């Protein structure tokens, strides 16, 4: 298995950037598109545990935008073979001083493109 094939890594970096832009803009349609449409998809958030794409979609529709001042740091994307990747990043908000967020995503290549199959978001003291 090849780790971090440059072509695969470039694909995942691009879709990760697209996801981040959609998150900052609260573009629910793109966020919904980029999560795997499956009852097996999982998203553990700061205050919620979501199982299945329908629960994630419902959460996104009710969420107010809070990403405008979000800054990423120490982003690491690693690909494992041609179809699997892990993205990990730290994030901070001006509105929440002294705290740092942590985000991890498992991306898988599907016939219709790269999709998040599992995600975890948490916040700790900086």
N, C-alpha and C. Protein backbone atom coordinates (compact mmCIF):
# COMPACT_ATOMS: atom_id res chain seq x y z
N UNK A 1 0.84 -1.17 0.00
CA UNK A 1 0.00 0.00 0.00
C UNK A 1 0.89 1.24 0.00
N UNK A 2 0.56 2.17 -0.87
CA UNK A 2 1.32 3.41 -0.92
C UNK A 2 0.69 4.45 0.01
N UNK A 3 1.50 5.05 0.85
CA UNK A 3 1.04 6.12 1.73
C UNK A 3 1.45 7.45 1.10
N UNK A 4 0.47 8.35 1.02
CA UNK A 4 0.67 9.70 0.48
C UNK A 4 1.15 9.72 -0.97
N UNK A 5 0.50 8.92 -1.80
CA UNK A 5 0.70 9.05 -3.24
C UNK A 5 0.41 10.51 -3.60
N UNK A 6 1.32 11.20 -4.27
CA UNK A 6 1.13 12.64 -4.51
C UNK A 6 -0.18 12.99 -5.22
N UNK A 7 -0.61 12.19 -6.18
CA UNK A 7 -1.85 12.48 -6.90
C UNK A 7 -3.06 12.32 -5.99
N UNK A 8 -3.08 11.27 -5.20
CA UNK A 8 -4.20 11.03 -4.29
C UNK A 8 -4.21 12.11 -3.20
N UNK A 9 -3.05 12.43 -2.67
CA UNK A 9 -2.95 13.47 -1.65
C UNK A 9 -3.48 14.80 -2.17
N UNK A 10 -3.15 15.15 -3.40
CA UNK A 10 -3.64 16.41 -3.99
C UNK A 10 -5.16 16.41 -4.10
N UNK A 11 -5.74 15.27 -4.46
CA UNK A 11 -7.21 15.18 -4.53
C UNK A 11 -7.84 15.43 -3.17
N UNK A 12 -7.30 14.79 -2.14
CA UNK A 12 -7.89 14.93 -0.81
C UNK A 12 -7.66 16.34 -0.26
N UNK A 13 -6.50 16.91 -0.51
CA UNK A 13 -6.26 18.29 -0.08
C UNK A 13 -7.29 19.23 -0.72
N UNK A 14 -7.61 19.01 -1.98
CA UNK A 14 -8.58 19.86 -2.67
C UNK A 14 -9.98 19.70 -2.09
N UNK A 15 -10.40 18.47 -1.84
CA UNK A 15 -11.74 18.27 -1.30
C UNK A 15 -11.81 18.73 0.16
N UNK A 16 -10.73 18.60 0.91
CA UNK A 16 -10.69 19.12 2.27
C UNK A 16 -10.84 20.64 2.26
N UNK A 17 -10.16 21.31 1.34
CA UNK A 17 -10.29 22.77 1.21
C UNK A 17 -11.71 23.16 0.83
N UNK A 18 -12.32 22.38 -0.04
CA UNK A 18 -13.72 22.64 -0.43
C UNK A 18 -14.64 22.48 0.78
N UNK A 19 -14.41 21.45 1.57
CA UNK A 19 -15.20 21.23 2.79
C UNK A 19 -15.02 22.41 3.74
N UNK A 20 -13.79 22.84 3.95
CA UNK A 20 -13.52 23.95 4.88
C UNK A 20 -14.22 25.23 4.41
N UNK A 21 -14.16 25.52 3.13
CA UNK A 21 -14.84 26.71 2.60
C UNK A 21 -16.35 26.61 2.82
N UNK A 22 -16.91 25.44 2.60
CA UNK A 22 -18.35 25.25 2.81
C UNK A 22 -18.70 25.40 4.28
N UNK A 23 -17.83 24.94 5.16
CA UNK A 23 -18.08 25.06 6.60
C UNK A 23 -18.09 26.53 7.01
N UNK A 24 -17.10 27.28 6.55
CA UNK A 24 -17.01 28.71 6.89
C UNK A 24 -18.22 29.47 6.33
N UNK A 25 -18.65 29.11 5.12
CA UNK A 25 -19.78 29.79 4.48
C UNK A 25 -21.14 29.21 4.88
N UNK A 26 -21.13 28.16 5.70
CA UNK A 26 -22.34 27.43 6.07
C UNK A 26 -23.12 26.99 4.82
N UNK A 27 -22.41 26.48 3.84
CA UNK A 27 -23.01 25.98 2.61
C UNK A 27 -23.46 24.54 2.86
N UNK A 28 -24.68 24.42 3.35
CA UNK A 28 -25.21 23.13 3.78
C UNK A 28 -25.26 22.14 2.62
N UNK A 29 -25.55 22.61 1.42
CA UNK A 29 -25.63 21.71 0.27
C UNK A 29 -24.29 21.02 0.01
N UNK A 30 -23.21 21.78 0.08
CA UNK A 30 -21.88 21.19 -0.15
C UNK A 30 -21.49 20.29 1.02
N UNK A 31 -21.75 20.74 2.24
CA UNK A 31 -21.44 19.90 3.41
C UNK A 31 -22.19 18.58 3.32
N UNK A 32 -23.45 18.64 2.95
CA UNK A 32 -24.26 17.43 2.81
C UNK A 32 -23.70 16.53 1.71
N UNK A 33 -23.31 17.12 0.60
CA UNK A 33 -22.73 16.35 -0.51
C UNK A 33 -21.46 15.62 -0.09
N UNK A 34 -20.64 16.26 0.74
CA UNK A 34 -19.33 15.70 1.06
C UNK A 34 -19.35 14.67 2.18
N UNK A 35 -20.48 14.52 2.87
CA UNK A 35 -20.60 13.42 3.83
C UNK A 35 -21.19 12.22 3.12
N UNK A 36 -20.68 11.05 3.42
CA UNK A 36 -21.17 9.82 2.83
C UNK A 36 -22.64 9.64 3.16
N UNK A 37 -23.46 9.45 2.14
CA UNK A 37 -24.90 9.27 2.33
C UNK A 37 -25.15 7.81 2.73
N UNK A 38 -25.07 7.58 4.04
CA UNK A 38 -25.18 6.22 4.56
C UNK A 38 -25.63 6.25 6.02
N UNK A 39 -26.40 5.25 6.43
CA UNK A 39 -26.75 5.15 7.85
C UNK A 39 -25.53 4.80 8.71
N UNK A 40 -24.42 4.42 8.09
CA UNK A 40 -23.20 4.06 8.82
C UNK A 40 -22.28 5.25 9.05
N UNK A 41 -22.57 6.39 8.45
CA UNK A 41 -21.74 7.59 8.62
C UNK A 41 -21.90 8.11 10.04
N UNK A 42 -20.78 8.53 10.64
CA UNK A 42 -20.78 8.99 12.04
C UNK A 42 -20.13 10.36 12.11
N UNK A 43 -20.73 11.24 12.92
CA UNK A 43 -20.11 12.54 13.23
C UNK A 43 -20.30 12.80 14.71
N UNK A 44 -19.19 12.81 15.44
CA UNK A 44 -19.21 13.18 16.85
C UNK A 44 -18.76 14.62 16.94
N UNK A 45 -19.65 15.48 17.42
CA UNK A 45 -19.37 16.90 17.50
C UNK A 45 -19.09 17.35 18.91
N UNK A 46 -19.02 18.65 19.08
CA UNK A 46 -18.72 19.24 20.38
C UNK A 46 -19.79 18.90 21.40
N UNK A 47 -21.05 18.92 20.96
CA UNK A 47 -22.15 18.67 21.90
C UNK A 47 -23.17 17.68 21.34
N UNK A 48 -22.79 16.93 20.32
CA UNK A 48 -23.75 16.02 19.70
C UNK A 48 -23.04 14.77 19.19
N UNK A 49 -23.77 13.67 19.20
CA UNK A 49 -23.32 12.40 18.63
C UNK A 49 -24.31 12.04 17.54
N UNK A 50 -23.86 12.06 16.30
CA UNK A 50 -24.76 11.86 15.17
C UNK A 50 -24.40 10.57 14.44
N UNK A 51 -25.40 9.74 14.27
CA UNK A 51 -25.23 8.47 13.56
C UNK A 51 -26.13 8.47 12.34
N UNK A 52 -25.54 8.33 11.18
CA UNK A 52 -26.28 8.29 9.94
C UNK A 52 -26.33 9.64 9.26
N UNK A 53 -26.33 9.60 7.93
CA UNK A 53 -26.31 10.85 7.16
C UNK A 53 -27.57 11.68 7.37
N UNK A 54 -28.70 11.06 7.65
CA UNK A 54 -29.93 11.83 7.89
C UNK A 54 -29.80 12.67 9.16
N UNK A 55 -29.24 12.12 10.21
CA UNK A 55 -29.05 12.88 11.46
C UNK A 55 -28.04 14.01 11.25
N UNK A 56 -27.00 13.74 10.48
CA UNK A 56 -26.00 14.77 10.20
C UNK A 56 -26.64 15.88 9.38
N UNK A 57 -27.42 15.53 8.38
CA UNK A 57 -28.12 16.51 7.54
C UNK A 57 -29.05 17.37 8.39
N UNK A 58 -29.82 16.77 9.27
CA UNK A 58 -30.75 17.52 10.12
C UNK A 58 -29.98 18.49 11.02
N UNK A 59 -28.87 18.05 11.57
CA UNK A 59 -28.03 18.93 12.40
C UNK A 59 -27.53 20.12 11.59
N UNK A 60 -27.04 19.87 10.40
CA UNK A 60 -26.52 20.95 9.56
C UNK A 60 -27.59 21.99 9.24
N UNK A 61 -28.80 21.53 9.00
CA UNK A 61 -29.89 22.46 8.65
C UNK A 61 -30.25 23.37 9.81
N UNK A 62 -30.06 22.92 11.04
CA UNK A 62 -30.40 23.71 12.22
C UNK A 62 -29.24 24.55 12.73
N UNK A 63 -28.04 24.24 12.30
CA UNK A 63 -26.83 24.91 12.81
C UNK A 63 -26.72 26.31 12.24
N UNK A 64 -26.40 27.24 13.12
CA UNK A 64 -26.12 28.59 12.63
C UNK A 64 -24.65 28.66 12.24
N UNK A 65 -24.34 29.50 11.31
CA UNK A 65 -22.95 29.63 10.86
C UNK A 65 -22.09 30.19 11.98
N UNK A 66 -20.96 29.56 12.21
CA UNK A 66 -20.04 30.05 13.24
C UNK A 66 -18.59 29.97 12.79
N UNK A 67 -18.37 29.76 11.51
CA UNK A 67 -17.02 29.51 11.05
C UNK A 67 -16.29 30.69 10.45
N UNK A 68 -16.91 31.86 10.40
CA UNK A 68 -16.31 32.98 9.67
C UNK A 68 -14.93 33.36 10.18
N UNK A 69 -14.70 33.25 11.48
CA UNK A 69 -13.40 33.63 12.02
C UNK A 69 -12.53 32.42 12.35
N UNK A 70 -12.84 31.29 11.76
CA UNK A 70 -12.14 30.04 12.03
C UNK A 70 -10.78 30.04 11.33
N UNK A 71 -9.75 29.64 12.07
CA UNK A 71 -8.41 29.52 11.52
C UNK A 71 -7.90 28.10 11.77
N UNK A 72 -7.30 27.51 10.76
CA UNK A 72 -6.75 26.16 10.88
C UNK A 72 -5.26 26.22 11.20
N UNK A 73 -4.78 25.18 11.87
CA UNK A 73 -3.35 25.05 12.18
C UNK A 73 -2.99 23.57 12.22
N UNK A 74 -1.77 23.28 11.90
CA UNK A 74 -1.23 21.93 11.99
C UNK A 74 -2.08 20.89 11.27
N UNK A 75 -2.57 21.24 10.10
CA UNK A 75 -3.38 20.30 9.32
C UNK A 75 -2.47 19.21 8.75
N UNK A 76 -2.89 17.96 8.96
CA UNK A 76 -2.16 16.81 8.44
C UNK A 76 -3.16 15.94 7.68
N UNK A 77 -2.87 15.71 6.42
CA UNK A 77 -3.69 14.81 5.61
C UNK A 77 -2.78 13.67 5.17
N UNK A 78 -3.24 12.45 5.43
CA UNK A 78 -2.47 11.26 5.08
C UNK A 78 -3.37 10.34 4.28
N UNK A 79 -2.89 9.88 3.14
CA UNK A 79 -3.65 8.94 2.33
C UNK A 79 -3.07 7.54 2.51
N UNK A 80 -3.95 6.56 2.47
CA UNK A 80 -3.57 5.16 2.61
C UNK A 80 -4.12 4.43 1.40
N UNK A 81 -3.26 4.15 0.43
CA UNK A 81 -3.73 3.58 -0.81
C UNK A 81 -4.48 4.63 -1.61
N UNK A 82 -5.20 4.20 -2.64
CA UNK A 82 -5.86 5.16 -3.52
C UNK A 82 -7.23 5.64 -3.04
N UNK A 83 -7.78 5.03 -1.99
CA UNK A 83 -9.19 5.27 -1.68
C UNK A 83 -9.50 5.66 -0.24
N UNK A 84 -8.49 5.86 0.60
CA UNK A 84 -8.74 6.18 2.01
C UNK A 84 -7.78 7.27 2.46
N UNK A 85 -8.30 8.19 3.28
CA UNK A 85 -7.46 9.26 3.81
C UNK A 85 -7.97 9.68 5.18
N UNK A 86 -7.05 10.18 5.98
CA UNK A 86 -7.38 10.77 7.28
C UNK A 86 -6.93 12.23 7.23
N UNK A 87 -7.82 13.13 7.65
CA UNK A 87 -7.48 14.55 7.75
C UNK A 87 -7.62 14.95 9.21
N UNK A 88 -6.59 15.57 9.74
CA UNK A 88 -6.60 16.05 11.12
C UNK A 88 -6.15 17.50 11.12
N UNK A 89 -6.85 18.33 11.90
CA UNK A 89 -6.47 19.74 11.98
C UNK A 89 -6.86 20.32 13.32
N UNK A 90 -6.18 21.35 13.69
CA UNK A 90 -6.57 22.16 14.84
C UNK A 90 -7.24 23.41 14.30
N UNK A 91 -8.18 23.97 15.07
CA UNK A 91 -8.80 25.22 14.63
C UNK A 91 -9.04 26.11 15.84
N UNK A 92 -9.12 27.40 15.56
CA UNK A 92 -9.41 28.36 16.62
C UNK A 92 -10.38 29.41 16.08
N UNK A 93 -11.07 30.05 17.02
CA UNK A 93 -12.03 31.12 16.72
C UNK A 93 -11.68 32.32 17.58
N UNK A 94 -11.76 33.51 17.02
CA UNK A 94 -11.57 34.72 17.83
C UNK A 94 -12.63 34.81 18.92
N UNK A 95 -13.81 34.27 18.65
CA UNK A 95 -14.92 34.36 19.60
C UNK A 95 -14.76 33.43 20.80
N UNK A 96 -13.77 32.53 20.75
CA UNK A 96 -13.56 31.58 21.84
C UNK A 96 -12.07 31.59 22.21
N UNK A 97 -11.60 32.67 22.83
CA UNK A 97 -10.17 32.74 23.16
C UNK A 97 -9.79 31.69 24.21
N UNK A 98 -8.56 31.21 24.12
CA UNK A 98 -8.07 30.25 25.10
C UNK A 98 -8.53 28.83 24.87
N UNK A 99 -9.19 28.57 23.75
CA UNK A 99 -9.66 27.22 23.42
C UNK A 99 -9.14 26.84 22.04
N UNK A 100 -8.91 25.57 21.85
CA UNK A 100 -8.49 25.07 20.55
C UNK A 100 -9.38 23.90 20.17
N UNK A 101 -9.83 23.91 18.92
CA UNK A 101 -10.64 22.82 18.42
C UNK A 101 -9.78 21.79 17.72
N UNK A 102 -10.27 20.55 17.74
CA UNK A 102 -9.59 19.45 17.05
C UNK A 102 -10.61 18.79 16.14
N UNK A 103 -10.22 18.54 14.93
CA UNK A 103 -11.12 17.94 13.95
C UNK A 103 -10.40 16.80 13.24
N UNK A 104 -11.05 15.65 13.16
CA UNK A 104 -10.52 14.52 12.40
C UNK A 104 -11.61 13.99 11.50
N UNK A 105 -11.21 13.63 10.29
CA UNK A 105 -12.15 13.09 9.32
C UNK A 105 -11.53 11.88 8.63
N UNK A 106 -12.34 10.87 8.41
CA UNK A 106 -11.96 9.75 7.57
C UNK A 106 -12.64 9.94 6.23
N UNK A 107 -11.85 10.08 5.19
CA UNK A 107 -12.36 10.27 3.83
C UNK A 107 -12.20 8.96 3.06
N UNK A 108 -13.21 8.61 2.28
CA UNK A 108 -13.13 7.44 1.41
C UNK A 108 -13.55 7.84 0.00
N UNK A 109 -12.91 7.23 -0.97
CA UNK A 109 -13.27 7.50 -2.36
C UNK A 109 -14.46 6.61 -2.73
N UNK A 110 -15.52 7.25 -3.16
CA UNK A 110 -16.70 6.55 -3.64
C UNK A 110 -16.80 6.78 -5.15
N UNK A 111 -17.70 6.08 -5.85
CA UNK A 111 -17.83 6.31 -7.29
C UNK A 111 -18.13 7.76 -7.65
N UNK A 112 -18.81 8.49 -6.74
CA UNK A 112 -19.15 9.89 -7.02
C UNK A 112 -18.17 10.88 -6.38
N UNK A 113 -17.04 10.40 -5.87
CA UNK A 113 -16.02 11.30 -5.34
C UNK A 113 -15.68 11.00 -3.89
N UNK A 114 -14.82 11.82 -3.32
CA UNK A 114 -14.38 11.66 -1.94
C UNK A 114 -15.49 12.07 -0.99
N UNK A 115 -15.70 11.26 0.08
CA UNK A 115 -16.76 11.53 1.05
C UNK A 115 -16.23 11.27 2.46
N UNK A 116 -16.75 12.05 3.42
CA UNK A 116 -16.42 11.85 4.83
C UNK A 116 -17.28 10.71 5.35
N UNK A 117 -16.65 9.65 5.84
CA UNK A 117 -17.38 8.51 6.40
C UNK A 117 -17.47 8.61 7.92
N UNK A 118 -16.52 9.31 8.53
CA UNK A 118 -16.52 9.49 9.98
C UNK A 118 -15.81 10.80 10.30
N UNK A 119 -16.34 11.50 11.30
CA UNK A 119 -15.75 12.78 11.70
C UNK A 119 -15.86 12.94 13.21
N UNK A 120 -14.90 13.63 13.77
CA UNK A 120 -14.91 13.94 15.19
C UNK A 120 -14.43 15.37 15.38
N UNK A 121 -15.16 16.13 16.19
CA UNK A 121 -14.80 17.51 16.51
C UNK A 121 -14.86 17.65 18.03
N UNK A 122 -13.83 18.24 18.60
CA UNK A 122 -13.82 18.50 20.04
C UNK A 122 -13.06 19.80 20.29
N UNK A 123 -13.27 20.36 21.47
CA UNK A 123 -12.61 21.61 21.86
C UNK A 123 -12.01 21.42 23.25
N UNK A 124 -10.78 21.89 23.40
CA UNK A 124 -10.09 21.80 24.69
C UNK A 124 -9.46 23.16 25.01
N UNK A 125 -9.02 23.31 26.25
CA UNK A 125 -8.28 24.51 26.61
C UNK A 125 -6.96 24.54 25.84
N UNK A 126 -6.58 25.72 25.38
CA UNK A 126 -5.34 25.86 24.60
C UNK A 126 -4.12 25.74 25.50
